[in-house]
Amino acid sequence: MQKVFGMFNNGLTKVEDWFASVSGGIVGFMMVLTVAGVIGRAAHKPIKGEVEVITFIILWVVMLSISYALRQGEHLAVGIVFDRLSPGAKRIVNIVVIFIGLFIVFMLVWSTAMNTGWAISAWDTYVGAIQMPTWWSRLAMPIGIGLAFPRLVVLLVQTLRGEG
């Protein structure tokens, strides 16, 4: 069982690393598009929809990095009380928080997947400088948050085992 868990964790790590790399690539694309947009506006030839595209793709940057941040321990933590707890109390708090996180993540994945499904079926669009469908941006939520679910399961197992 431990071998299967290790293989699962390694596979999850590779997916998280790939998603984080894609997120970094998106940031690079956003930078290029922003510079091109500024140059275009200065030359009186603006890129139509540039601001809208950047607004929509920033969600992918955040969502594709959530699970990676969890693995790295870079997520938000409040240490003012937690740091003063005994190791046993910290473990119990971590277990409770992970279970709460699993519930919240499950609900978010379900609700954002339903919302994305609605956007697809209703042909929901954003009308700005250009008319743009919203489903592709909404899809970032269930994918990114969905990857956080197995990471939380791994963290739970590791915490229950006393690892980390």
C-alpha atoms as a PDB file:
ATOM      1  CA  MET A   1       0.000   0.000   0.000  1.00  0.00           C
ATOM      2  CA  GLN A   2       2.846   2.368   0.815  1.00  0.00           C
ATOM      3  CA  LYS A   3       4.374   1.749  -2.634  1.00  0.00           C
ATOM      4  CA  VAL A   4       1.057   2.594  -4.341  1.00  0.00           C
ATOM      5  CA  PHE A   5       0.731   5.731  -2.200  1.00  0.00           C
ATOM      6  CA  GLY A   6       4.285   6.765  -3.131  1.00  0.00           C
ATOM      7  CA  MET A   7       3.598   6.216  -6.829  1.00  0.00           C
ATOM      8  CA  PHE A   8       0.366   8.231  -6.538  1.00  0.00           C
ATOM      9  CA  ASN A   9       2.188  11.052  -4.743  1.00  0.00           C
ATOM     10  CA  ASN A  10       4.968  11.068  -7.368  1.00  0.00           C
ATOM     11  CA  GLY A  11       2.424  11.184 -10.203  1.00  0.00           C
ATOM     12  CA  LEU A  12       0.513  13.970  -8.490  1.00  0.00           C
ATOM     13  CA  THR A  13       3.763  15.884  -8.005  1.00  0.00           C
ATOM     14  CA  LYS A  14       4.542  15.621 -11.731  1.00  0.00           C
ATOM     15  CA  VAL A  15       1.065  16.899 -12.642  1.00  0.00           C
ATOM     16  CA  GLU A  16       1.388  19.771 -10.156  1.00  0.00           C
ATOM     17  CA  ASP A  17       4.818  20.684 -11.513  1.00  0.00           C
ATOM     18  CA  TRP A  18       3.463  20.623 -15.077  1.00  0.00           C
ATOM     19  CA  PHE A  19       0.478  22.789 -14.109  1.00  0.00           C
ATOM     20  CA  ALA A  20       2.805  25.251 -12.338  1.00  0.00           C
ATOM     21  CA  SER A  21       4.971  25.408 -15.472  1.00  0.00           C
ATOM     22  CA  VAL A  22       1.905  26.066 -17.628  1.00  0.00           C
ATOM     23  CA  SER A  23       0.910  28.773 -15.149  1.00  0.00           C
ATOM     24  CA  GLY A  24       4.334  30.370 -15.537  1.00  0.00           C
ATOM     25  CA  GLY A  25       3.987  30.197 -19.309  1.00  0.00           C
ATOM     26  CA  ILE A  26       0.628  31.946 -19.062  1.00  0.00           C
ATOM     27  CA  VAL A  27       2.243  34.704 -17.002  1.00  0.00           C
ATOM     28  CA  GLY A  28       4.852  35.082 -19.746  1.00  0.00           C
ATOM     29  CA  PHE A  29       2.101  35.289 -22.377  1.00  0.00           C
ATOM     30  CA  MET A  30       0.295  37.907 -20.272  1.00  0.00           C
ATOM     31  CA  MET A  31       3.483  39.966 -20.068  1.00  0.00           C
ATOM     32  CA  VAL A  32       4.028  39.837 -23.837  1.00  0.00           C
ATOM     33  CA  LEU A  33       0.379  40.671 -24.531  1.00  0.00           C
ATOM     34  CA  THR A  34       0.453  43.571 -22.073  1.00  0.00           C
ATOM     35  CA  VAL A  35       3.620  45.036 -23.611  1.00  0.00           C
ATOM     36  CA  ALA A  36       2.175  44.586 -27.106  1.00  0.00           C
ATOM     37  CA  GLY A  37      -1.037  46.266 -25.932  1.00  0.00           C
ATOM     38  CA  VAL A  38       0.853  49.243 -24.522  1.00  0.00           C
ATOM     39  CA  ILE A  39       2.895  49.587 -27.710  1.00  0.00           C
ATOM     40  CA  GLY A  40      -0.272  49.237 -29.781  1.00  0.00           C
ATOM     41  CA  ARG A  41      -2.045  51.964 -27.823  1.00  0.00           C
ATOM     42  CA  ALA A  42       1.010  54.244 -28.139  1.00  0.00           C
ATOM     43  CA  ALA A  43       0.978  53.652 -31.909  1.00  0.00           C
ATOM     44  CA  HIS A  44      -2.778  54.287 -32.018  1.00  0.00           C
ATOM     45  CA  LYS A  45      -3.357  50.647 -33.052  1.00  0.00           C
ATOM     46  CA  PRO A  46      -4.715  49.022 -29.867  1.00  0.00           C
ATOM     47  CA  ILE A  47      -5.130  45.261 -29.623  1.00  0.00           C
ATOM     48  CA  LYS A  48      -8.862  44.668 -29.489  1.00  0.00           C
ATOM     49  CA  GLY A  49      -9.841  42.660 -26.383  1.00  0.00           C
ATOM     50  CA  GLU A  50      -6.353  42.604 -24.835  1.00  0.00           C
ATOM     51  CA  VAL A  51      -7.560  43.658 -21.388  1.00  0.00           C
ATOM     52  CA  GLU A  52     -10.418  41.156 -21.443  1.00  0.00           C
ATOM     53  CA  VAL A  53      -8.149  38.269 -22.431  1.00  0.00           C
ATOM     54  CA  ILE A  54      -5.690  39.090 -19.651  1.00  0.00           C
ATOM     55  CA  THR A  55      -8.544  39.401 -17.154  1.00  0.00           C
ATOM     56  CA  PHE A  56      -9.865  35.971 -18.115  1.00  0.00           C
ATOM     57  CA  ILE A  57      -6.546  34.116 -18.215  1.00  0.00           C
ATOM     58  CA  ILE A  58      -5.286  35.341 -14.855  1.00  0.00           C
ATOM     59  CA  LEU A  59      -7.717  32.893 -13.250  1.00  0.00           C
ATOM     60  CA  TRP A  60      -5.755  30.056 -14.885  1.00  0.00           C
ATOM     61  CA  VAL A  61      -2.517  31.370 -13.360  1.00  0.00           C
ATOM     62  CA  VAL A  62      -3.968  31.221  -9.865  1.00  0.00           C
ATOM     63  CA  MET A  63      -5.919  27.977 -10.196  1.00  0.00           C
ATOM     64  CA  LEU A  64      -3.154  25.920 -11.815  1.00  0.00           C
ATOM     65  CA  SER A  65      -0.801  26.809  -8.955  1.00  0.00           C
ATOM     66  CA  ILE A  66      -3.004  26.013  -5.942  1.00  0.00           C
ATOM     67  CA  SER A  67      -2.055  22.365  -5.506  1.00  0.00           C
ATOM     68  CA  TYR A  68       1.638  23.150  -6.082  1.00  0.00           C
ATOM     69  CA  ALA A  69       1.463  25.810  -3.358  1.00  0.00           C
ATOM     70  CA  LEU A  70      -0.153  23.308  -0.984  1.00  0.00           C
ATOM     71  CA  ARG A  71       2.642  20.807  -1.622  1.00  0.00           C
ATOM     72  CA  GLN A  72       5.323  23.447  -1.071  1.00  0.00           C
ATOM     73  CA  GLY A  73       3.672  24.674   2.128  1.00  0.00           C
ATOM     74  CA  GLU A  74       3.322  28.133   0.602  1.00  0.00           C
ATOM     75  CA  HIS A  75      -0.361  28.485   1.362  1.00  0.00           C
ATOM     76  CA  LEU A  76      -1.644  30.948   3.919  1.00  0.00           C
ATOM     77  CA  ALA A  77      -1.111  29.914   7.517  1.00  0.00           C
ATOM     78  CA  VAL A  78      -1.793  31.796  10.728  1.00  0.00           C
ATOM     79  CA  GLY A  79       1.057  31.101  13.103  1.00  0.00           C
ATOM     80  CA  ILE A  80       0.196  33.366  16.016  1.00  0.00           C
ATOM     81  CA  VAL A  81      -1.615  30.532  17.838  1.00  0.00           C
ATOM     82  CA  PHE A  82      -0.566  27.461  15.852  1.00  0.00           C
ATOM     83  CA  ASP A  83       3.167  27.968  16.422  1.00  0.00           C
ATOM     84  CA  ARG A  84       2.645  27.873  20.188  1.00  0.00           C
ATOM     85  CA  LEU A  85       0.862  24.508  20.167  1.00  0.00           C
ATOM     86  CA  SER A  86       2.520  21.243  21.170  1.00  0.00           C
ATOM     87  CA  PRO A  87       3.439  18.836  18.346  1.00  0.00           C
ATOM     88  CA  GLY A  88       0.466  16.593  19.212  1.00  0.00           C
ATOM     89  CA  ALA A  89      -1.960  19.508  19.217  1.00  0.00           C
ATOM     90  CA  LYS A  90      -0.522  20.765  15.897  1.00  0.00           C
ATOM     91  CA  ARG A  91      -1.118  17.331  14.396  1.00  0.00           C
ATOM     92  CA  ILE A  92      -4.743  17.278  15.572  1.00  0.00           C
ATOM     93  CA  VAL A  93      -5.349  20.807  14.288  1.00  0.00           C
ATOM     94  CA  ASN A  94      -3.786  19.878  10.936  1.00  0.00           C
ATOM     95  CA  ILE A  95      -6.018  16.814  10.632  1.00  0.00           C
ATOM     96  CA  VAL A  96      -9.163  18.823  11.426  1.00  0.00           C
ATOM     97  CA  VAL A  97      -8.166  21.612   9.033  1.00  0.00           C
ATOM     98  CA  ILE A  98      -7.399  19.138   6.240  1.00  0.00           C
ATOM     99  CA  PHE A  99     -10.810  17.483   6.673  1.00  0.00           C
ATOM    100  CA  ILE A 100     -12.464  20.917   6.537  1.00  0.00           C
ATOM    101  CA  GLY A 101     -10.363  21.721   3.471  1.00  0.00           C
ATOM    102  CA  LEU A 102     -11.416  18.478   1.771  1.00  0.00           C
ATOM    103  CA  PHE A 103     -15.072  19.327   2.330  1.00  0.00           C
ATOM    104  CA  ILE A 104     -14.663  22.900   1.065  1.00  0.00           C
ATOM    105  CA  VAL A 105     -12.641  21.784  -1.961  1.00  0.00           C
ATOM    106  CA  PHE A 106     -15.220  19.109  -2.812  1.00  0.00           C
ATOM    107  CA  MET A 107     -18.030  21.663  -2.652  1.00  0.00           C
ATOM    108  CA  LEU A 108     -16.064  24.185  -4.719  1.00  0.00           C
ATOM    109  CA  VAL A 109     -15.206  21.638  -7.396  1.00  0.00           C
ATOM    110  CA  TRP A 110     -18.806  20.505  -7.624  1.00  0.00           C
ATOM    111  CA  SER A 111     -20.287  24.027  -7.706  1.00  0.00           C
ATOM    112  CA  THR A 112     -17.725  25.445 -10.150  1.00  0.00           C
ATOM    113  CA  ALA A 113     -18.126  22.424 -12.432  1.00  0.00           C
ATOM    114  CA  MET A 114     -21.896  22.981 -12.425  1.00  0.00           C
ATOM    115  CA  ASN A 115     -21.350  26.677 -13.102  1.00  0.00           C
ATOM    116  CA  THR A 116     -18.994  25.890 -15.975  1.00  0.00           C
ATOM    117  CA  GLY A 117     -21.538  23.435 -17.380  1.00  0.00           C
ATOM    118  CA  TRP A 118     -24.190  26.134 -17.217  1.00  0.00           C
ATOM    119  CA  ALA A 119     -21.888  28.617 -19.000  1.00  0.00           C
ATOM    120  CA  ILE A 120     -21.305  26.109 -21.785  1.00  0.00           C
ATOM    121  CA  SER A 121     -24.992  25.215 -22.205  1.00  0.00           C
ATOM    122  CA  ALA A 122     -26.153  28.842 -22.045  1.00  0.00           C
ATOM    123  CA  TRP A 123     -23.370  30.101 -24.331  1.00  0.00           C
ATOM    124  CA  ASP A 124     -22.585  32.650 -21.636  1.00  0.00           C
ATOM    125  CA  THR A 125     -20.479  35.482 -23.016  1.00  0.00           C
ATOM    126  CA  TYR A 126     -18.713  38.530 -21.709  1.00  0.00           C
ATOM    127  CA  VAL A 127     -19.269  41.599 -23.827  1.00  0.00           C
ATOM    128  CA  GLY A 128     -16.459  44.119 -23.631  1.00  0.00           C
ATOM    129  CA  ALA A 129     -14.235  45.329 -26.424  1.00  0.00           C
ATOM    130  CA  ILE A 130     -14.862  41.885 -27.896  1.00  0.00           C
ATOM    131  CA  GLN A 131     -17.514  39.290 -27.199  1.00  0.00           C
ATOM    132  CA  MET A 132     -15.890  36.348 -25.440  1.00  0.00           C
ATOM    133  CA  PRO A 133     -17.343  33.078 -24.101  1.00  0.00           C
ATOM    134  CA  THR A 134     -16.778  32.638 -20.362  1.00  0.00           C
ATOM    135  CA  TRP A 135     -16.710  28.823 -20.091  1.00  0.00           C
ATOM    136  CA  TRP A 136     -12.998  28.447 -20.857  1.00  0.00           C
ATOM    137  CA  SER A 137     -12.091  30.790 -18.024  1.00  0.00           C
ATOM    138  CA  ARG A 138     -14.592  29.217 -15.618  1.00  0.00           C
ATOM    139  CA  LEU A 139     -13.087  25.807 -16.383  1.00  0.00           C
ATOM    140  CA  ALA A 140      -9.926  26.827 -14.504  1.00  0.00           C
ATOM    141  CA  MET A 141     -11.737  26.598 -11.166  1.00  0.00           C
ATOM    142  CA  PRO A 142     -12.837  22.944 -11.156  1.00  0.00           C
ATOM    143  CA  ILE A 143      -9.523  21.859 -12.720  1.00  0.00           C
ATOM    144  CA  GLY A 144      -7.242  23.808 -10.392  1.00  0.00           C
ATOM    145  CA  ILE A 145      -9.242  23.276  -7.227  1.00  0.00           C
ATOM    146  CA  GLY A 146      -9.893  19.679  -8.264  1.00  0.00           C
ATOM    147  CA  LEU A 147      -6.149  19.002  -8.248  1.00  0.00           C
ATOM    148  CA  ALA A 148      -6.006  20.350  -4.691  1.00  0.00           C
ATOM    149  CA  PHE A 149      -8.320  17.533  -3.530  1.00  0.00           C
ATOM    150  CA  PRO A 150      -5.853  14.655  -4.053  1.00  0.00           C
ATOM    151  CA  ARG A 151      -3.055  16.846  -2.648  1.00  0.00           C
ATOM    152  CA  LEU A 152      -5.109  17.327   0.524  1.00  0.00           C
ATOM    153  CA  VAL A 153      -5.673  13.557   0.688  1.00  0.00           C
ATOM    154  CA  VAL A 154      -1.905  13.027   0.445  1.00  0.00           C
ATOM    155  CA  LEU A 155      -1.328  15.635   3.167  1.00  0.00           C
ATOM    156  CA  LEU A 156      -3.935  13.933   5.354  1.00  0.00           C
ATOM    157  CA  VAL A 157      -2.303  10.525   4.955  1.00  0.00           C
ATOM    158  CA  GLN A 158       1.129  11.995   5.666  1.00  0.00           C
ATOM    159  CA  THR A 159      -0.184  13.809   8.745  1.00  0.00           C
ATOM    160  CA  LEU A 160      -1.921  10.667  10.028  1.00  0.00           C
ATOM    161  CA  ARG A 161       1.345   8.754   9.565  1.00  0.00           C
ATOM    162  CA  GLY A 162       3.252  11.452  11.437  1.00  0.00           C
ATOM    163  CA  GLU A 163       5.303  12.443   8.386  1.00  0.00           C
ATOM    164  CA  GLY A 164       6.245  16.004   7.570  1.00  0.00           C
END
